[in-house]
Each structure stands twice: as structure tokens, then as C-alpha cells.
């Protein structure tokens, strides 16, 4: 049951991230085309593209962690005795939960503090783009929590010693 929820949520968040990246690629292409063919593009294009890229990264961060697809150094957990490797894996899991939980709380508090300011180009409250941070860190916390303290999948590298 938990594994099904984890897989479903990971696929959903990666799908949303992929759609956001595809949308921002088309959006940037339109902005560049407007600059060259029409002589200018709206000033808020770059700002919106930046926020969408950050949103895609924050939404997909939990699924990437669970899949072991993020860049990390796993030499310690694979090259030490099994018992010590389990301790390292538990430490990594607890550290991930602590950092993701703290950043969820901290960024949630931050959303309320920046609500009075507006973004320069879009002229919307800064709390709108910043609200994606607690969502992303919350997803990371939840996915790491239901994953449990187990070894993350290892990336296969050709010619690895």
C-alpha cells in the first residue's frame, strides 16, 4: 500500500515537473522569437520562466531523491561492512528527514513574511512563487518518510571500478 502511494506520488510529481519544464521551454522560445521578430517581449517573461523552473525543481525533488537519481556520493555505504553501511543509510535518512522537515517549516514561515512585497516584473505577491518551497520540501519529507531508512537505488556507471 505504502509502496503504491510512493510510486504514484513520485510519478505524479515527476510528470508535473516535466510538464512545467516543457511549458517553460516553449515559453522561452516564444519570448526569444518575440524579441527578434517583434522587437521586444514583455518584461515579465524572464521572471515567470525563472519561477516555473524553480517550481519544477521543487515539485520533483522528492521523487528524484526516492529514485536515487540525484547527484550524491554513495561510496561510503557501498564500500564498508554491511552493519556500518546500515548505520550510514539510517543517518542519511534521518538527516534528510530533519533537513526537509526544517526547510518545510522555515519556508512556510518565510511565505508569510514576504507577502507584503511584489515581484518586479509580474507585480504579484512574492508569497506566490515562494509558496512552492514548502510544497517541494514537504513532498521530499513525505516521500523520504514513507521510503524509510533503506538504501537508495544506485546509479549504474559504465567502467565503474
N, C-alpha and C. Protein backbone atom coordinates (compact mmCIF):
# COMPACT_ATOMS: atom_id res chain seq x y z
N UNK A 1 0.82 -1.20 0.00
CA UNK A 1 0.00 0.00 0.00
C UNK A 1 0.86 1.26 0.00
N UNK A 2 1.82 1.32 0.95
CA UNK A 2 2.69 2.50 1.03
C UNK A 2 3.55 2.60 -0.22
N UNK A 3 4.03 1.45 -0.70
CA UNK A 3 4.84 1.45 -1.92
C UNK A 3 4.06 1.97 -3.12
N UNK A 4 2.78 1.62 -3.19
CA UNK A 4 1.93 2.09 -4.28
C UNK A 4 1.74 3.60 -4.20
N UNK A 5 1.50 4.11 -2.99
CA UNK A 5 1.35 5.56 -2.80
C UNK A 5 2.63 6.27 -3.19
N UNK A 6 3.76 5.70 -2.78
CA UNK A 6 5.06 6.32 -3.09
C UNK A 6 5.30 6.36 -4.59
N UNK A 7 5.05 5.26 -5.27
CA UNK A 7 5.25 5.21 -6.72
C UNK A 7 4.30 6.18 -7.42
N UNK A 8 3.04 6.18 -7.03
CA UNK A 8 2.05 7.07 -7.64
C UNK A 8 2.42 8.52 -7.45
N UNK A 9 2.80 8.89 -6.21
CA UNK A 9 3.15 10.27 -5.92
C UNK A 9 4.44 10.68 -6.64
N UNK A 10 5.41 9.78 -6.71
CA UNK A 10 6.65 10.08 -7.42
C UNK A 10 6.39 10.30 -8.91
N UNK A 11 5.59 9.45 -9.50
CA UNK A 11 5.26 9.62 -10.93
C UNK A 11 4.48 10.90 -11.18
N UNK A 12 3.54 11.19 -10.29
CA UNK A 12 2.75 12.41 -10.44
C UNK A 12 3.63 13.65 -10.36
N UNK A 13 4.50 13.72 -9.36
CA UNK A 13 5.34 14.91 -9.21
C UNK A 13 6.35 15.03 -10.34
N UNK A 14 6.91 13.91 -10.79
CA UNK A 14 7.84 13.99 -11.93
C UNK A 14 7.10 14.37 -13.21
N UNK A 15 5.87 13.91 -13.36
CA UNK A 15 5.07 14.29 -14.52
C UNK A 15 4.76 15.78 -14.53
N UNK A 16 4.39 16.31 -13.37
CA UNK A 16 4.12 17.75 -13.26
C UNK A 16 5.40 18.54 -13.55
N UNK A 17 6.52 18.08 -13.01
CA UNK A 17 7.80 18.76 -13.26
C UNK A 17 8.15 18.75 -14.75
N UNK A 18 7.95 17.61 -15.38
CA UNK A 18 8.25 17.51 -16.81
C UNK A 18 7.36 18.43 -17.64
N UNK A 19 6.08 18.49 -17.29
CA UNK A 19 5.17 19.40 -18.00
C UNK A 19 5.57 20.86 -17.80
N UNK A 20 5.98 21.21 -16.59
CA UNK A 20 6.42 22.59 -16.34
C UNK A 20 7.68 22.93 -17.14
N UNK A 21 8.62 22.00 -17.21
CA UNK A 21 9.85 22.24 -17.98
C UNK A 21 9.51 22.37 -19.47
N UNK A 22 8.63 21.51 -19.98
CA UNK A 22 8.24 21.62 -21.39
C UNK A 22 7.55 22.95 -21.65
N UNK A 23 6.68 23.35 -20.74
CA UNK A 23 5.97 24.62 -20.91
C UNK A 23 6.93 25.79 -20.89
N UNK A 24 7.89 25.78 -19.97
CA UNK A 24 8.82 26.91 -19.89
C UNK A 24 9.74 26.93 -21.11
N UNK A 25 10.06 25.78 -21.68
CA UNK A 25 10.88 25.76 -22.90
C UNK A 25 10.13 26.43 -24.05
N UNK A 26 8.85 26.11 -24.20
CA UNK A 26 8.04 26.76 -25.23
C UNK A 26 7.86 28.25 -24.94
N UNK A 27 7.69 28.56 -23.68
CA UNK A 27 7.51 29.94 -23.26
C UNK A 27 8.75 30.78 -23.58
N UNK A 28 9.93 30.24 -23.27
CA UNK A 28 11.19 30.95 -23.56
C UNK A 28 11.39 31.07 -25.07
N UNK A 29 11.06 30.01 -25.80
CA UNK A 29 11.18 30.07 -27.26
C UNK A 29 10.28 31.17 -27.83
N UNK A 30 9.07 31.29 -27.31
CA UNK A 30 8.18 32.36 -27.74
C UNK A 30 8.77 33.72 -27.39
N UNK A 31 9.33 33.86 -26.19
CA UNK A 31 9.92 35.13 -25.77
C UNK A 31 11.09 35.54 -26.64
N UNK A 32 11.94 34.57 -26.98
CA UNK A 32 13.08 34.87 -27.86
C UNK A 32 12.59 35.24 -29.25
N UNK A 33 11.60 34.50 -29.75
CA UNK A 33 11.03 34.83 -31.06
C UNK A 33 10.40 36.21 -31.08
N UNK A 34 9.70 36.55 -30.01
CA UNK A 34 9.09 37.88 -29.93
C UNK A 34 10.15 38.97 -29.92
N UNK A 35 11.27 38.71 -29.26
CA UNK A 35 12.34 39.71 -29.23
C UNK A 35 12.93 39.94 -30.62
N UNK A 36 13.12 38.86 -31.36
CA UNK A 36 13.74 39.00 -32.67
C UNK A 36 12.77 39.48 -33.74
N UNK A 37 11.56 38.96 -33.73
CA UNK A 37 10.63 39.28 -34.81
C UNK A 37 9.75 40.49 -34.53
N UNK A 38 9.43 40.72 -33.26
CA UNK A 38 8.57 41.85 -32.92
C UNK A 38 9.34 43.02 -32.30
N UNK A 39 10.61 42.78 -32.00
CA UNK A 39 11.44 43.85 -31.44
C UNK A 39 11.46 43.91 -29.93
N UNK A 40 10.53 43.25 -29.26
CA UNK A 40 10.53 43.24 -27.79
C UNK A 40 9.62 42.12 -27.30
N UNK A 41 9.81 41.78 -26.05
CA UNK A 41 8.92 40.82 -25.39
C UNK A 41 8.58 41.40 -24.02
N UNK A 42 7.49 40.96 -23.44
CA UNK A 42 7.12 41.51 -22.12
C UNK A 42 8.25 41.33 -21.10
N UNK A 43 8.40 42.29 -20.23
CA UNK A 43 9.48 42.29 -19.25
C UNK A 43 9.34 41.14 -18.26
N UNK A 44 8.14 40.66 -18.06
CA UNK A 44 7.90 39.63 -17.06
C UNK A 44 8.16 38.21 -17.56
N UNK A 45 8.51 38.04 -18.84
CA UNK A 45 8.77 36.71 -19.39
C UNK A 45 9.89 36.00 -18.65
N UNK A 46 11.02 36.67 -18.48
CA UNK A 46 12.17 36.05 -17.83
C UNK A 46 11.86 35.69 -16.39
N UNK A 47 11.16 36.57 -15.71
CA UNK A 47 10.82 36.31 -14.31
C UNK A 47 9.90 35.11 -14.18
N UNK A 48 8.89 35.02 -15.03
CA UNK A 48 7.97 33.89 -14.98
C UNK A 48 8.70 32.59 -15.31
N UNK A 49 9.58 32.62 -16.30
CA UNK A 49 10.35 31.43 -16.65
C UNK A 49 11.20 30.97 -15.47
N UNK A 50 11.82 31.89 -14.79
CA UNK A 50 12.65 31.57 -13.62
C UNK A 50 11.80 30.90 -12.54
N UNK A 51 10.64 31.44 -12.26
CA UNK A 51 9.78 30.87 -11.22
C UNK A 51 9.26 29.49 -11.61
N UNK A 52 8.97 29.29 -12.88
CA UNK A 52 8.48 27.98 -13.32
C UNK A 52 9.58 26.93 -13.23
N UNK A 53 10.82 27.30 -13.56
CA UNK A 53 11.94 26.36 -13.43
C UNK A 53 12.15 25.98 -11.97
N UNK A 54 12.08 26.95 -11.08
CA UNK A 54 12.21 26.67 -9.65
C UNK A 54 11.06 25.78 -9.19
N UNK A 55 9.85 26.05 -9.67
CA UNK A 55 8.70 25.22 -9.31
C UNK A 55 8.89 23.78 -9.75
N UNK A 56 9.38 23.59 -10.98
CA UNK A 56 9.61 22.24 -11.48
C UNK A 56 10.63 21.50 -10.63
N UNK A 57 11.69 22.19 -10.24
CA UNK A 57 12.72 21.56 -9.41
C UNK A 57 12.18 21.21 -8.03
N UNK A 58 11.44 22.12 -7.43
CA UNK A 58 10.93 21.89 -6.08
C UNK A 58 9.86 20.79 -6.06
N UNK A 59 9.04 20.72 -7.07
CA UNK A 59 7.99 19.70 -7.11
C UNK A 59 8.59 18.31 -7.33
N UNK A 60 9.63 18.23 -8.13
CA UNK A 60 10.22 16.93 -8.45
C UNK A 60 11.29 16.44 -7.49
N UNK A 61 11.69 17.25 -6.52
CA UNK A 61 12.84 16.90 -5.68
C UNK A 61 12.62 15.63 -4.86
N UNK A 62 11.43 15.40 -4.36
CA UNK A 62 11.16 14.21 -3.55
C UNK A 62 11.24 12.93 -4.36
N UNK A 63 10.66 12.95 -5.55
CA UNK A 63 10.69 11.76 -6.41
C UNK A 63 12.10 11.45 -6.86
N UNK A 64 12.87 12.47 -7.14
CA UNK A 64 14.26 12.27 -7.56
C UNK A 64 15.07 11.65 -6.41
N UNK A 65 14.81 12.08 -5.19
CA UNK A 65 15.53 11.53 -4.03
C UNK A 65 15.18 10.05 -3.85
N UNK A 66 13.89 9.71 -3.92
CA UNK A 66 13.46 8.33 -3.71
C UNK A 66 14.01 7.42 -4.80
N UNK A 67 14.09 7.91 -6.03
CA UNK A 67 14.61 7.10 -7.13
C UNK A 67 16.13 6.99 -7.11
N UNK A 68 16.79 7.78 -6.25
CA UNK A 68 18.25 7.77 -6.21
C UNK A 68 18.86 8.42 -7.44
N UNK A 69 18.09 9.27 -8.12
CA UNK A 69 18.54 9.88 -9.37
C UNK A 69 19.27 11.19 -9.16
N UNK A 70 19.37 11.65 -7.94
CA UNK A 70 20.08 12.89 -7.68
C UNK A 70 21.58 12.62 -7.55
N UNK A 71 22.36 13.66 -7.66
CA UNK A 71 23.80 13.51 -7.58
C UNK A 71 24.19 13.35 -6.11
N UNK A 72 24.85 12.25 -5.81
CA UNK A 72 25.27 12.02 -4.44
C UNK A 72 26.48 11.10 -4.44
N UNK A 73 27.17 11.07 -3.33
CA UNK A 73 28.33 10.21 -3.17
C UNK A 73 27.91 9.04 -2.29
N UNK A 74 27.91 7.85 -2.86
CA UNK A 74 27.45 6.68 -2.11
C UNK A 74 28.58 5.69 -1.85
N UNK A 75 29.80 6.16 -1.96
CA UNK A 75 30.93 5.25 -1.80
C UNK A 75 31.00 4.70 -0.38
N UNK A 76 30.64 5.50 0.62
CA UNK A 76 30.72 5.02 2.00
C UNK A 76 29.76 3.87 2.27
N UNK A 77 28.53 4.01 1.86
CA UNK A 77 27.54 2.98 2.18
C UNK A 77 27.75 1.70 1.40
N UNK A 78 28.50 1.76 0.30
CA UNK A 78 28.71 0.56 -0.51
C UNK A 78 30.05 -0.12 -0.24
N UNK A 79 31.01 0.57 0.32
CA UNK A 79 32.36 0.01 0.48
C UNK A 79 32.71 -0.38 1.92
N UNK A 80 31.80 -0.19 2.84
CA UNK A 80 32.06 -0.52 4.24
C UNK A 80 31.33 -1.81 4.60
N UNK A 81 31.66 -2.40 5.75
CA UNK A 81 30.91 -3.60 6.17
C UNK A 81 29.40 -3.32 6.24
N UNK A 82 28.62 -4.38 6.08
CA UNK A 82 27.16 -4.24 5.97
C UNK A 82 26.54 -3.53 7.17
N UNK A 83 26.98 -3.86 8.36
CA UNK A 83 26.41 -3.24 9.57
C UNK A 83 26.67 -1.73 9.59
N UNK A 84 27.89 -1.32 9.27
CA UNK A 84 28.22 0.10 9.22
C UNK A 84 27.48 0.78 8.08
N UNK A 85 27.30 0.07 6.97
CA UNK A 85 26.53 0.62 5.85
C UNK A 85 25.10 0.92 6.24
N UNK A 86 24.50 0.04 7.05
CA UNK A 86 23.13 0.28 7.52
C UNK A 86 23.05 1.50 8.44
N UNK A 87 24.10 1.70 9.25
CA UNK A 87 24.14 2.88 10.12
C UNK A 87 24.24 4.14 9.27
N UNK A 88 25.06 4.11 8.24
CA UNK A 88 25.21 5.27 7.35
C UNK A 88 23.89 5.56 6.63
N UNK A 89 23.21 4.52 6.17
CA UNK A 89 21.93 4.71 5.49
C UNK A 89 20.89 5.30 6.44
N UNK A 90 20.86 4.81 7.68
CA UNK A 90 19.94 5.37 8.68
C UNK A 90 20.26 6.84 8.94
N UNK A 91 21.55 7.15 9.06
CA UNK A 91 21.97 8.54 9.27
C UNK A 91 21.54 9.43 8.11
N UNK A 92 21.74 8.97 6.88
CA UNK A 92 21.34 9.75 5.70
C UNK A 92 19.83 9.99 5.71
N UNK A 93 19.07 8.96 6.05
CA UNK A 93 17.61 9.08 6.07
C UNK A 93 17.16 10.07 7.14
N UNK A 94 17.71 9.93 8.35
CA UNK A 94 17.35 10.85 9.43
C UNK A 94 17.75 12.28 9.11
N UNK A 95 18.92 12.45 8.52
CA UNK A 95 19.38 13.79 8.14
C UNK A 95 18.47 14.39 7.06
N UNK A 96 18.08 13.58 6.09
CA UNK A 96 17.16 14.05 5.05
C UNK A 96 15.83 14.47 5.66
N UNK A 97 15.29 13.64 6.56
CA UNK A 97 14.03 13.99 7.21
C UNK A 97 14.15 15.27 8.03
N UNK A 98 15.24 15.39 8.78
CA UNK A 98 15.43 16.59 9.61
C UNK A 98 15.55 17.84 8.76
N UNK A 99 16.39 17.79 7.72
CA UNK A 99 16.58 18.97 6.87
C UNK A 99 15.31 19.31 6.08
N UNK A 100 14.66 18.29 5.50
CA UNK A 100 13.44 18.56 4.73
C UNK A 100 12.33 19.07 5.64
N UNK A 101 12.21 18.50 6.82
CA UNK A 101 11.19 18.96 7.76
C UNK A 101 11.44 20.39 8.20
N UNK A 102 12.69 20.69 8.54
CA UNK A 102 13.03 22.05 8.96
C UNK A 102 12.80 23.04 7.82
N UNK A 103 13.24 22.69 6.62
CA UNK A 103 13.07 23.60 5.49
C UNK A 103 11.60 23.78 5.12
N UNK A 104 10.78 22.75 5.33
CA UNK A 104 9.34 22.90 5.11
C UNK A 104 8.78 23.94 6.07
N UNK A 105 9.11 23.80 7.33
CA UNK A 105 8.63 24.74 8.35
C UNK A 105 9.19 26.15 8.10
N UNK A 106 10.50 26.24 7.86
CA UNK A 106 11.14 27.54 7.67
C UNK A 106 10.58 28.26 6.44
N UNK A 107 10.46 27.54 5.32
CA UNK A 107 9.97 28.18 4.10
C UNK A 107 8.49 28.53 4.22
N UNK A 108 7.73 27.76 4.99
CA UNK A 108 6.33 28.10 5.24
C UNK A 108 6.25 29.42 6.01
N UNK A 109 7.10 29.59 7.00
CA UNK A 109 7.15 30.84 7.76
C UNK A 109 7.57 32.00 6.85
N UNK A 110 8.50 31.72 5.95
CA UNK A 110 9.02 32.74 5.04
C UNK A 110 7.95 33.23 4.07
N UNK A 111 7.07 32.33 3.66
CA UNK A 111 5.98 32.72 2.74
C UNK A 111 5.16 33.85 3.35
N UNK A 112 4.87 33.76 4.64
CA UNK A 112 4.10 34.81 5.30
C UNK A 112 4.84 36.12 5.44
N UNK A 113 6.16 36.04 5.52
CA UNK A 113 6.95 37.26 5.72
C UNK A 113 7.18 38.06 4.44
N UNK A 114 7.10 37.41 3.28
CA UNK A 114 7.36 38.14 2.03
C UNK A 114 6.08 38.52 1.31
N UNK A 115 4.94 38.27 1.93
CA UNK A 115 3.66 38.56 1.29
C UNK A 115 3.42 40.03 1.01
N UNK A 116 4.10 40.91 1.71
CA UNK A 116 3.91 42.35 1.52
C UNK A 116 4.65 42.88 0.30
N UNK A 117 5.61 42.12 -0.20
CA UNK A 117 6.42 42.57 -1.33
C UNK A 117 5.88 42.01 -2.63
N UNK A 118 6.14 42.73 -3.72
CA UNK A 118 5.71 42.28 -5.04
C UNK A 118 6.92 41.93 -5.89
N UNK A 119 6.71 41.01 -6.82
CA UNK A 119 7.77 40.68 -7.76
C UNK A 119 7.93 41.83 -8.73
N UNK A 120 9.15 42.09 -9.21
CA UNK A 120 9.37 43.26 -10.06
C UNK A 120 8.64 43.22 -11.41
N UNK A 121 8.62 42.06 -12.07
CA UNK A 121 8.03 42.01 -13.39
C UNK A 121 6.56 41.66 -13.39
N UNK A 122 6.20 40.63 -12.67
CA UNK A 122 4.81 40.16 -12.67
C UNK A 122 3.89 40.99 -11.79
N UNK A 123 4.46 41.69 -10.82
CA UNK A 123 3.70 42.51 -9.88
C UNK A 123 2.68 41.68 -9.08
N UNK A 124 3.08 40.47 -8.69
CA UNK A 124 2.26 39.65 -7.80
C UNK A 124 3.00 39.53 -6.47
N UNK A 125 2.29 39.13 -5.45
CA UNK A 125 2.90 38.97 -4.14
C UNK A 125 4.04 37.95 -4.22
N UNK A 126 5.14 38.25 -3.55
CA UNK A 126 6.28 37.31 -3.55
C UNK A 126 5.93 35.99 -2.89
N UNK A 127 4.88 35.97 -2.10
CA UNK A 127 4.50 34.72 -1.45
C UNK A 127 3.98 33.69 -2.47
N UNK A 128 3.57 34.13 -3.66
CA UNK A 128 3.09 33.19 -4.67
C UNK A 128 4.23 32.29 -5.17
N UNK A 129 5.34 32.83 -5.69
CA UNK A 129 6.41 31.93 -6.11
C UNK A 129 7.12 31.24 -4.94
N UNK A 130 7.21 31.91 -3.80
CA UNK A 130 7.90 31.34 -2.65
C UNK A 130 7.09 30.20 -2.04
N UNK A 131 5.78 30.16 -2.28
CA UNK A 131 4.93 29.10 -1.73
C UNK A 131 5.30 27.73 -2.26
N UNK A 132 6.03 27.68 -3.35
CA UNK A 132 6.44 26.39 -3.90
C UNK A 132 7.53 25.73 -3.06
N UNK A 133 8.26 26.50 -2.29
CA UNK A 133 9.33 25.92 -1.47
C UNK A 133 8.78 24.99 -0.38
N UNK A 134 7.81 25.41 0.44
CA UNK A 134 7.31 24.45 1.43
C UNK A 134 6.60 23.25 0.79
N UNK A 135 6.00 23.46 -0.38
CA UNK A 135 5.38 22.33 -1.07
C UNK A 135 6.44 21.32 -1.48
N UNK A 136 7.52 21.80 -2.09
CA UNK A 136 8.59 20.91 -2.53
C UNK A 136 9.29 20.21 -1.37
N UNK A 137 9.65 20.96 -0.34
CA UNK A 137 10.30 20.34 0.81
C UNK A 137 9.35 19.41 1.56
N UNK A 138 8.06 19.76 1.58
CA UNK A 138 7.08 18.88 2.20
C UNK A 138 6.94 17.56 1.45
N UNK A 139 6.95 17.63 0.12
CA UNK A 139 6.92 16.40 -0.68
C UNK A 139 8.17 15.57 -0.45
N UNK A 140 9.33 16.22 -0.38
CA UNK A 140 10.57 15.50 -0.08
C UNK A 140 10.47 14.81 1.28
N UNK A 141 10.00 15.53 2.29
CA UNK A 141 9.86 14.96 3.63
C UNK A 141 8.92 13.75 3.60
N UNK A 142 7.76 13.91 2.97
CA UNK A 142 6.77 12.83 2.95
C UNK A 142 7.29 11.61 2.19
N UNK A 143 7.89 11.82 1.02
CA UNK A 143 8.39 10.69 0.25
C UNK A 143 9.56 10.01 0.94
N UNK A 144 10.43 10.78 1.59
CA UNK A 144 11.54 10.17 2.33
C UNK A 144 11.00 9.39 3.53
N UNK A 145 9.98 9.94 4.18
CA UNK A 145 9.39 9.28 5.35
C UNK A 145 8.78 7.93 4.97
N UNK A 146 7.99 7.89 3.91
CA UNK A 146 7.36 6.62 3.54
C UNK A 146 8.35 5.67 2.87
N UNK A 147 9.47 6.19 2.36
CA UNK A 147 10.51 5.33 1.80
C UNK A 147 11.21 4.55 2.90
N UNK A 148 11.39 5.17 4.04
CA UNK A 148 12.05 4.52 5.17
C UNK A 148 13.56 4.51 5.01
N UNK A 149 14.24 4.03 6.05
CA UNK A 149 15.71 4.01 6.00
C UNK A 149 16.23 2.80 5.24
N UNK A 150 16.16 2.88 3.94
CA UNK A 150 16.72 1.80 3.12
C UNK A 150 17.64 2.40 2.08
N UNK A 151 18.50 1.57 1.56
CA UNK A 151 19.47 2.05 0.57
C UNK A 151 18.74 2.57 -0.66
N UNK A 152 19.18 3.71 -1.14
CA UNK A 152 18.60 4.27 -2.36
C UNK A 152 19.17 3.53 -3.56
N UNK A 153 18.43 3.47 -4.66
CA UNK A 153 18.95 2.81 -5.85
C UNK A 153 20.27 3.45 -6.30
N UNK A 154 21.19 2.61 -6.73
CA UNK A 154 22.49 3.08 -7.17
C UNK A 154 22.47 3.34 -8.67
N UNK A 155 23.08 4.43 -9.07
CA UNK A 155 23.20 4.73 -10.49
C UNK A 155 24.21 3.77 -11.11
N UNK A 156 23.92 3.31 -12.30
CA UNK A 156 24.85 2.42 -13.00
C UNK A 156 25.77 3.27 -13.84
N UNK A 157 27.05 3.15 -13.57
CA UNK A 157 28.05 3.93 -14.28
C UNK A 157 28.94 2.97 -15.04
N UNK A 158 29.10 3.19 -16.33
CA UNK A 158 29.98 2.33 -17.12
C UNK A 158 31.42 2.52 -16.67
N UNK A 159 32.17 1.45 -16.71
CA UNK A 159 33.59 1.45 -16.33
C UNK A 159 33.79 1.84 -14.88
N UNK A 160 32.82 1.55 -14.03
CA UNK A 160 32.96 1.85 -12.61
C UNK A 160 33.84 0.78 -11.98
N UNK A 161 34.77 1.20 -11.16
CA UNK A 161 35.68 0.24 -10.53
C UNK A 161 35.03 -0.49 -9.41
